[in-house]
Amino acid sequence: MKKAYIINLKYGIWENQLWLEADDNEVMQEKWEIAKAKLTDVATACQSSGDYFNKAIEHFSQYGFSRIQK
């Protein structure tokens, strides 16, 4: 079964939600926590909010999460 994972992104004054999905199991929950913890490194390397949004999608996809476009 799939589960939705939602994270609030903030870059300067810009804010947005990123909706992702992955399997609902303990392994993915652990990966979710690790990916969230490392997200600050992604933001630090970005030049704009759009860049951050795209890099965040790539970052979470490396951990097995797929973007949900709502």
PDB file of N, CA and C in Angstrom:
ATOM      1  N   MET A   1       0.830  -1.175   0.000  1.00  0.00           N
ATOM      2  CA  MET A   1       0.000   0.000   0.000  1.00  0.00           C
ATOM      3  C   MET A   1       0.884   1.251   0.000  1.00  0.00           C
ATOM      4  N   LYS A   2       0.443   2.274  -0.684  1.00  0.00           N
ATOM      5  CA  LYS A   2       1.174   3.546  -0.766  1.00  0.00           C
ATOM      6  C   LYS A   2       0.692   4.501   0.324  1.00  0.00           C
ATOM      7  N   LYS A   3       1.588   5.395   0.694  1.00  0.00           N
ATOM      8  CA  LYS A   3       1.293   6.401   1.712  1.00  0.00           C
ATOM      9  C   LYS A   3       1.734   7.760   1.191  1.00  0.00           C
ATOM     10  N   ALA A   4       0.971   8.794   1.518  1.00  0.00           N
ATOM     11  CA  ALA A   4       1.353  10.162   1.156  1.00  0.00           C
ATOM     12  C   ALA A   4       2.273  10.725   2.231  1.00  0.00           C
ATOM     13  N   TYR A   5       3.316  11.379   1.781  1.00  0.00           N
ATOM     14  CA  TYR A   5       4.254  12.069   2.664  1.00  0.00           C
ATOM     15  C   TYR A   5       4.232  13.536   2.244  1.00  0.00           C
ATOM     16  N   ILE A   6       4.018  14.434   3.194  1.00  0.00           N
ATOM     17  CA  ILE A   6       3.889  15.856   2.887  1.00  0.00           C
ATOM     18  C   ILE A   6       4.919  16.632   3.697  1.00  0.00           C
ATOM     19  N   ILE A   7       5.616  17.523   3.018  1.00  0.00           N
ATOM     20  CA  ILE A   7       6.592  18.360   3.713  1.00  0.00           C
ATOM     21  C   ILE A   7       6.384  19.816   3.298  1.00  0.00           C
ATOM     22  N   ASN A   8       6.485  20.696   4.262  1.00  0.00           N
ATOM     23  CA  ASN A   8       6.395  22.134   4.005  1.00  0.00           C
ATOM     24  C   ASN A   8       7.796  22.655   3.712  1.00  0.00           C
ATOM     25  N   LEU A   9       7.964  23.227   2.531  1.00  0.00           N
ATOM     26  CA  LEU A   9       9.246  23.794   2.132  1.00  0.00           C
ATOM     27  C   LEU A   9       9.217  25.298   2.350  1.00  0.00           C
ATOM     28  N   LYS A  10      10.327  25.856   2.780  1.00  0.00           N
ATOM     29  CA  LYS A  10      10.437  27.303   2.963  1.00  0.00           C
ATOM     30  C   LYS A  10      11.820  27.744   2.501  1.00  0.00           C
ATOM     31  N   TYR A  11      11.825  28.797   1.689  1.00  0.00           N
ATOM     32  CA  TYR A  11      13.073  29.369   1.183  1.00  0.00           C
ATOM     33  C   TYR A  11      12.888  30.884   1.187  1.00  0.00           C
ATOM     34  N   GLY A  12      13.514  31.557   2.117  1.00  0.00           N
ATOM     35  CA  GLY A  12      13.281  32.993   2.272  1.00  0.00           C
ATOM     36  C   GLY A  12      11.838  33.221   2.689  1.00  0.00           C
ATOM     37  N   ILE A  13      11.120  34.051   1.925  1.00  0.00           N
ATOM     38  CA  ILE A  13       9.707  34.284   2.242  1.00  0.00           C
ATOM     39  C   ILE A  13       8.781  33.331   1.481  1.00  0.00           C
ATOM     40  N   TRP A  14       9.321  32.550   0.571  1.00  0.00           N
ATOM     41  CA  TRP A  14       8.550  31.599  -0.227  1.00  0.00           C
ATOM     42  C   TRP A  14       8.249  30.350   0.593  1.00  0.00           C
ATOM     43  N   GLU A  15       7.006  29.859   0.487  1.00  0.00           N
ATOM     44  CA  GLU A  15       6.606  28.612   1.141  1.00  0.00           C
ATOM     45  C   GLU A  15       5.743  27.798   0.189  1.00  0.00           C
ATOM     46  N   ASN A  16       5.874  26.491   0.265  1.00  0.00           N
ATOM     47  CA  ASN A  16       5.067  25.593  -0.553  1.00  0.00           C
ATOM     48  C   ASN A  16       5.071  24.215   0.088  1.00  0.00           C
ATOM     49  N   GLN A  17       4.065  23.423  -0.249  1.00  0.00           N
ATOM     50  CA  GLN A  17       4.024  22.039   0.211  1.00  0.00           C
ATOM     51  C   GLN A  17       4.464  21.130  -0.921  1.00  0.00           C
ATOM     52  N   LEU A  18       5.223  20.124  -0.567  1.00  0.00           N
ATOM     53  CA  LEU A  18       5.634  19.102  -1.516  1.00  0.00           C
ATOM     54  C   LEU A  18       4.969  17.799  -1.090  1.00  0.00           C
ATOM     55  N   TRP A  19       4.164  17.244  -1.980  1.00  0.00           N
ATOM     56  CA  TRP A  19       3.468  15.987  -1.722  1.00  0.00           C
ATOM     57  C   TRP A  19       4.214  14.866  -2.432  1.00  0.00           C
ATOM     58  N   LEU A  20       4.491  13.818  -1.684  1.00  0.00           N
ATOM     59  CA  LEU A  20       5.218  12.671  -2.216  1.00  0.00           C
ATOM     60  C   LEU A  20       4.486  11.402  -1.815  1.00  0.00           C
ATOM     61  N   GLU A  21       4.821  10.302  -2.478  1.00  0.00           N
ATOM     62  CA  GLU A  21       4.265   9.018  -2.063  1.00  0.00           C
ATOM     63  C   GLU A  21       5.332   7.945  -2.147  1.00  0.00           C
ATOM     64  N   ALA A  22       5.140   6.937  -1.311  1.00  0.00           N
ATOM     65  CA  ALA A  22       6.028   5.774  -1.291  1.00  0.00           C
ATOM     66  C   ALA A  22       5.294   4.668  -0.547  1.00  0.00           C
ATOM     67  N   ASP A  23       5.902   3.507  -0.511  1.00  0.00           N
ATOM     68  CA  ASP A  23       5.303   2.400   0.220  1.00  0.00           C
ATOM     69  C   ASP A  23       5.159   2.750   1.693  1.00  0.00           C
ATOM     70  N   ASP A  24       4.135   2.202   2.296  1.00  0.00           N
ATOM     71  CA  ASP A  24       3.868   2.425   3.718  1.00  0.00           C
ATOM     72  C   ASP A  24       4.489   1.281   4.511  1.00  0.00           C
ATOM     73  N   ASN A  25       5.758   1.461   4.897  1.00  0.00           N
ATOM     74  CA  ASN A  25       6.432   0.452   5.711  1.00  0.00           C
ATOM     75  C   ASN A  25       7.518   1.125   6.557  1.00  0.00           C
ATOM     76  N   GLU A  26       8.116   0.365   7.437  1.00  0.00           N
ATOM     77  CA  GLU A  26       9.117   0.919   8.360  1.00  0.00           C
ATOM     78  C   GLU A  26      10.364   1.422   7.637  1.00  0.00           C
ATOM     79  N   VAL A  27      10.774   0.730   6.601  1.00  0.00           N
ATOM     80  CA  VAL A  27      11.974   1.130   5.857  1.00  0.00           C
ATOM     81  C   VAL A  27      11.782   2.516   5.248  1.00  0.00           C
ATOM     82  N   MET A  28      10.628   2.741   4.619  1.00  0.00           N
ATOM     83  CA  MET A  28      10.379   4.044   4.003  1.00  0.00           C
ATOM     84  C   MET A  28      10.214   5.132   5.059  1.00  0.00           C
ATOM     85  N   GLN A  29       9.659   4.787   6.198  1.00  0.00           N
ATOM     86  CA  GLN A  29       9.540   5.768   7.276  1.00  0.00           C
ATOM     87  C   GLN A  29      10.930   6.207   7.753  1.00  0.00           C
ATOM     88  N   GLU A  30      11.849   5.249   7.858  1.00  0.00           N
ATOM     89  CA  GLU A  30      13.226   5.577   8.240  1.00  0.00           C
ATOM     90  C   GLU A  30      13.896   6.447   7.172  1.00  0.00           C
ATOM     91  N   LYS A  31      13.681   6.102   5.900  1.00  0.00           N
ATOM     92  CA  LYS A  31      14.244   6.898   4.808  1.00  0.00           C
ATOM     93  C   LYS A  31      13.661   8.311   4.813  1.00  0.00           C
ATOM     94  N   TRP A  32      12.375   8.428   5.140  1.00  0.00           N
ATOM     95  CA  TRP A  32      11.718   9.728   5.219  1.00  0.00           C
ATOM     96  C   TRP A  32      12.402  10.618   6.259  1.00  0.00           C
ATOM     97  N   GLU A  33      12.666  10.049   7.423  1.00  0.00           N
ATOM     98  CA  GLU A  33      13.309  10.816   8.495  1.00  0.00           C
ATOM     99  C   GLU A  33      14.723  11.247   8.097  1.00  0.00           C
ATOM    100  N   ILE A  34      15.457  10.360   7.446  1.00  0.00           N
ATOM    101  CA  ILE A  34      16.814  10.683   6.995  1.00  0.00           C
ATOM    102  C   ILE A  34      16.773  11.775   5.924  1.00  0.00           C
ATOM    103  N   ALA A  35      15.876  11.614   4.952  1.00  0.00           N
ATOM    104  CA  ALA A  35      15.772  12.597   3.865  1.00  0.00           C
ATOM    105  C   ALA A  35      15.383  13.972   4.400  1.00  0.00           C
ATOM    106  N   LYS A  36      14.453  14.016   5.344  1.00  0.00           N
ATOM    107  CA  LYS A  36      14.062  15.301   5.942  1.00  0.00           C
ATOM    108  C   LYS A  36      15.239  15.950   6.665  1.00  0.00           C
ATOM    109  N   ALA A  37      16.002  15.149   7.387  1.00  0.00           N
ATOM    110  CA  ALA A  37      17.139  15.678   8.145  1.00  0.00           C
ATOM    111  C   ALA A  37      18.208  16.270   7.227  1.00  0.00           C
ATOM    112  N   LYS A  38      18.351  15.723   6.038  1.00  0.00           N
ATOM    113  CA  LYS A  38      19.383  16.188   5.106  1.00  0.00           C
ATOM    114  C   LYS A  38      18.890  17.275   4.155  1.00  0.00           C
ATOM    115  N   LEU A  39      17.624  17.664   4.270  1.00  0.00           N
ATOM    116  CA  LEU A  39      17.047  18.650   3.353  1.00  0.00           C
ATOM    117  C   LEU A  39      17.677  20.032   3.515  1.00  0.00           C
ATOM    118  N   THR A  40      18.143  20.362   4.694  1.00  0.00           N
ATOM    119  CA  THR A  40      18.792  21.657   4.927  1.00  0.00           C
ATOM    120  C   THR A  40      20.015  21.820   4.030  1.00  0.00           C
ATOM    121  N   ASP A  41      20.751  20.745   3.828  1.00  0.00           N
ATOM    122  CA  ASP A  41      21.920  20.791   2.942  1.00  0.00           C
ATOM    123  C   ASP A  41      21.509  21.139   1.510  1.00  0.00           C
ATOM    124  N   VAL A  42      20.350  20.641   1.094  1.00  0.00           N
ATOM    125  CA  VAL A  42      19.841  20.937  -0.249  1.00  0.00           C
ATOM    126  C   VAL A  42      19.537  22.430  -0.363  1.00  0.00           C
ATOM    127  N   ALA A  43      18.851  22.975   0.625  1.00  0.00           N
ATOM    128  CA  ALA A  43      18.480  24.396   0.602  1.00  0.00           C
ATOM    129  C   ALA A  43      19.708  25.295   0.565  1.00  0.00           C
ATOM    130  N   THR A  44      20.721  24.933   1.305  1.00  0.00           N
ATOM    131  CA  THR A  44      21.940  25.738   1.381  1.00  0.00           C
ATOM    132  C   THR A  44      22.619  25.865   0.019  1.00  0.00           C
ATOM    133  N   ALA A  45      22.509  24.835  -0.801  1.00  0.00           N
ATOM    134  CA  ALA A  45      23.175  24.824  -2.103  1.00  0.00           C
ATOM    135  C   ALA A  45      22.366  25.510  -3.207  1.00  0.00           C
ATOM    136  N   CYS A  46      21.151  25.971  -2.909  1.00  0.00           N
ATOM    137  CA  CYS A  46      20.273  26.532  -3.941  1.00  0.00           C
ATOM    138  C   CYS A  46      20.379  28.048  -4.036  1.00  0.00           C
ATOM    139  N   GLN A  47      20.053  28.557  -5.234  1.00  0.00           N
ATOM    140  CA  GLN A  47      20.123  29.992  -5.510  1.00  0.00           C
ATOM    141  C   GLN A  47      18.760  30.679  -5.526  1.00  0.00           C
ATOM    142  N   SER A  48      17.674  29.894  -5.625  1.00  0.00           N
ATOM    143  CA  SER A  48      16.331  30.479  -5.700  1.00  0.00           C
ATOM    144  C   SER A  48      15.311  29.479  -5.172  1.00  0.00           C
ATOM    145  N   SER A  49      14.100  29.963  -4.962  1.00  0.00           N
ATOM    146  CA  SER A  49      13.041  29.083  -4.467  1.00  0.00           C
ATOM    147  C   SER A  49      12.687  28.007  -5.497  1.00  0.00           C
ATOM    148  N   GLY A  50      12.681  28.371  -6.766  1.00  0.00           N
ATOM    149  CA  GLY A  50      12.394  27.388  -7.814  1.00  0.00           C
ATOM    150  C   GLY A  50      13.451  26.304  -7.870  1.00  0.00           C
ATOM    151  N   ASP A  51      14.693  26.713  -7.732  1.00  0.00           N
ATOM    152  CA  ASP A  51      15.807  25.766  -7.696  1.00  0.00           C
ATOM    153  C   ASP A  51      15.657  24.827  -6.496  1.00  0.00           C
ATOM    154  N   TYR A  52      15.313  25.399  -5.350  1.00  0.00           N
ATOM    155  CA  TYR A  52      15.126  24.602  -4.131  1.00  0.00           C
ATOM    156  C   TYR A  52      14.000  23.591  -4.305  1.00  0.00           C
ATOM    157  N   PHE A  53      12.881  24.014  -4.876  1.00  0.00           N
ATOM    158  CA  PHE A  53      11.748  23.108  -5.080  1.00  0.00           C
ATOM    159  C   PHE A  53      12.160  21.928  -5.958  1.00  0.00           C
ATOM    160  N   ASN A  54      12.820  22.217  -7.073  1.00  0.00           N
ATOM    161  CA  ASN A  54      13.245  21.152  -7.986  1.00  0.00           C
ATOM    162  C   ASN A  54      14.281  20.230  -7.347  1.00  0.00           C
ATOM    163  N   LYS A  55      15.222  20.811  -6.621  1.00  0.00           N
ATOM    164  CA  LYS A  55      16.255  19.996  -5.959  1.00  0.00           C
ATOM    165  C   LYS A  55      15.653  19.156  -4.834  1.00  0.00           C
ATOM    166  N   ALA A  56      14.634  19.680  -4.151  1.00  0.00           N
ATOM    167  CA  ALA A  56      13.966  18.909  -3.100  1.00  0.00           C
ATOM    168  C   ALA A  56      13.280  17.683  -3.695  1.00  0.00           C
ATOM    169  N   ILE A  57      12.650  17.846  -4.851  1.00  0.00           N
ATOM    170  CA  ILE A  57      12.019  16.707  -5.533  1.00  0.00           C
ATOM    171  C   ILE A  57      13.077  15.660  -5.875  1.00  0.00           C
ATOM    172  N   GLU A  58      14.198  16.095  -6.432  1.00  0.00           N
ATOM    173  CA  GLU A  58      15.293  15.176  -6.764  1.00  0.00           C
ATOM    174  C   GLU A  58      15.831  14.489  -5.509  1.00  0.00           C
ATOM    175  N   HIS A  59      15.995  15.274  -4.452  1.00  0.00           N
ATOM    176  CA  HIS A  59      16.519  14.752  -3.186  1.00  0.00           C
ATOM    177  C   HIS A  59      15.642  13.614  -2.662  1.00  0.00           C
ATOM    178  N   PHE A  60      14.340  13.849  -2.589  1.00  0.00           N
ATOM    179  CA  PHE A  60      13.445  12.822  -2.064  1.00  0.00           C
ATOM    180  C   PHE A  60      13.329  11.629  -3.014  1.00  0.00           C
ATOM    181  N   SER A  61      13.457  11.863  -4.317  1.00  0.00           N
ATOM    182  CA  SER A  61      13.393  10.737  -5.259  1.00  0.00           C
ATOM    183  C   SER A  61      14.582   9.800  -5.080  1.00  0.00           C
ATOM    184  N   GLN A  62      15.723  10.324  -4.634  1.00  0.00           N
ATOM    185  CA  GLN A  62      16.891   9.483  -4.367  1.00  0.00           C
ATOM    186  C   GLN A  62      16.634   8.520  -3.211  1.00  0.00           C
ATOM    187  N   TYR A  63      15.673   8.845  -2.379  1.00  0.00           N
ATOM    188  CA  TYR A  63      15.314   7.990  -1.246  1.00  0.00           C
ATOM    189  C   TYR A  63      14.098   7.115  -1.551  1.00  0.00           C
ATOM    190  N   GLY A  64      13.586   7.171  -2.779  1.00  0.00           N
ATOM    191  CA  GLY A  64      12.491   6.305  -3.189  1.00  0.00           C
ATOM    192  C   GLY A  64      11.109   6.928  -3.137  1.00  0.00           C
ATOM    193  N   PHE A  65      11.031   8.258  -3.009  1.00  0.00           N
ATOM    194  CA  PHE A  65       9.744   8.946  -2.948  1.00  0.00           C
ATOM    195  C   PHE A  65       9.416   9.549  -4.308  1.00  0.00           C
ATOM    196  N   SER A  66       8.148   9.469  -4.696  1.00  0.00           N
ATOM    197  CA  SER A  66       7.685  10.018  -5.969  1.00  0.00           C
ATOM    198  C   SER A  66       6.780  11.209  -5.706  1.00  0.00           C
ATOM    199  N   ARG A  67       6.927  12.239  -6.506  1.00  0.00           N
ATOM    200  CA  ARG A  67       6.107  13.438  -6.339  1.00  0.00           C
ATOM    201  C   ARG A  67       4.669  13.158  -6.754  1.00  0.00           C
ATOM    202  N   ILE A  68       3.745  13.694  -5.982  1.00  0.00           N
ATOM    203  CA  ILE A  68       2.324  13.675  -6.318  1.00  0.00           C
ATOM    204  C   ILE A  68       1.968  15.096  -6.725  1.00  0.00           C
ATOM    205  N   GLN A  69       1.444  15.263  -7.919  1.00  0.00           N
ATOM    206  CA  GLN A  69       1.007  16.595  -8.336  1.00  0.00           C
ATOM    207  C   GLN A  69      -0.479  16.707  -8.079  1.00  0.00           C
ATOM    208  N   LYS A  70      -0.825  17.619  -7.188  1.00  0.00           N
ATOM    209  CA  LYS A  70      -2.240  17.771  -6.841  1.00  0.00           C
ATOM    210  C   LYS A  70      -2.837  18.982  -7.491  1.00  0.00           C
TER     211      LYS A  70
END
